[in-house]
Amino acid sequence: MPIVEISGPALPQDAKDRIAKKVTEIIAEEEKKAFKIDTTSITVVGFRDIPIPNIYLGTKPLAKVLETLPKP
């Protein structure tokens, strides 16, 4: 059983659900290719919420980096 941990800023539950579903699909597809059998993959996806002020890109806090990005 694969175990995946994702650390990052807090996400809404629906985003976590979509990410976990996609991760499970990708792992199942890779297992199918590797083992040449189609199995029902059970994957544990854990999320660790880290406050944005604690995340740095290089020497800058993530919040400051996000402020410099162009707005969509």
Protein backbone atom coordinates (compact mmCIF):
# COMPACT_ATOMS: atom_id res chain seq x y z
CA MET A 1 0.00 0.00 0.00
CA PRO A 2 1.63 3.26 -1.11
CA ILE A 3 1.74 6.07 1.43
CA VAL A 4 1.99 9.67 0.17
CA GLU A 5 2.45 12.72 2.38
CA ILE A 6 1.83 16.19 1.02
CA SER A 7 3.04 19.17 3.02
CA GLY A 8 2.02 22.71 2.20
CA PRO A 9 -0.37 25.54 2.94
CA ALA A 10 -3.80 24.54 4.23
CA LEU A 11 -6.16 23.50 1.44
CA PRO A 12 -9.94 23.23 1.41
CA GLN A 13 -11.30 19.68 1.76
CA ASP A 14 -12.56 19.51 -1.84
CA ALA A 15 -9.03 20.31 -3.12
CA LYS A 16 -7.57 17.59 -0.88
CA ASP A 17 -10.15 15.13 -2.22
CA ARG A 18 -9.25 15.94 -5.84
CA ILE A 19 -5.51 15.65 -5.16
CA ALA A 20 -5.89 12.33 -3.31
CA LYS A 21 -8.05 10.92 -6.13
CA LYS A 22 -5.52 11.93 -8.80
CA VAL A 23 -2.55 10.57 -6.81
CA THR A 24 -4.37 7.25 -6.36
CA GLU A 25 -5.18 7.07 -10.10
CA ILE A 26 -1.57 7.75 -11.08
CA ILE A 27 -0.19 5.15 -8.67
CA ALA A 28 -2.73 2.55 -9.85
CA GLU A 29 -1.74 3.16 -13.48
CA GLU A 30 1.97 2.81 -12.66
CA GLU A 31 1.34 -0.40 -10.68
CA LYS A 32 -0.60 -1.78 -13.64
CA LYS A 33 2.35 -1.03 -15.95
CA ALA A 34 4.93 -2.45 -13.53
CA PHE A 35 3.16 -5.63 -12.48
CA LYS A 36 1.13 -6.26 -15.67
CA ILE A 37 -2.03 -6.85 -13.65
CA ASP A 38 -5.01 -4.65 -12.97
CA THR A 39 -5.44 -4.30 -9.23
CA THR A 40 -7.50 -2.06 -7.01
CA SER A 41 -4.95 0.32 -5.57
CA ILE A 42 -5.32 1.46 -1.99
CA THR A 43 -3.25 4.55 -1.36
CA VAL A 44 -2.94 6.51 1.86
CA VAL A 45 -2.63 10.23 1.19
CA GLY A 46 -1.86 12.36 4.24
CA PHE A 47 -1.88 16.13 4.25
CA ARG A 48 0.25 18.17 6.65
CA ASP A 49 -0.85 21.78 6.77
CA ILE A 50 2.03 24.21 7.21
CA PRO A 51 1.28 27.88 7.88
CA ILE A 52 2.39 30.05 4.95
CA PRO A 53 4.73 32.23 7.10
CA ASN A 54 6.79 29.06 7.80
CA ILE A 55 7.36 28.24 4.11
CA TYR A 56 10.32 29.84 2.35
CA LEU A 57 11.40 29.89 -1.29
CA GLY A 58 15.08 30.60 -1.07
CA THR A 59 15.39 33.35 1.53
CA LYS A 60 11.91 34.86 1.06
CA PRO A 61 8.71 33.80 2.82
CA LEU A 62 6.18 32.22 0.45
CA ALA A 63 3.65 34.98 1.16
CA LYS A 64 6.12 37.62 -0.12
CA VAL A 65 6.89 35.56 -3.23
CA LEU A 66 3.17 35.16 -3.97
CA GLU A 67 2.69 38.95 -3.74
CA THR A 68 5.22 39.44 -6.56
CA LEU A 69 3.52 37.05 -8.99
CA PRO A 70 1.30 38.51 -11.74
CA LYS A 71 -2.42 38.40 -10.98
CA PRO A 72 -4.53 36.16 -13.27
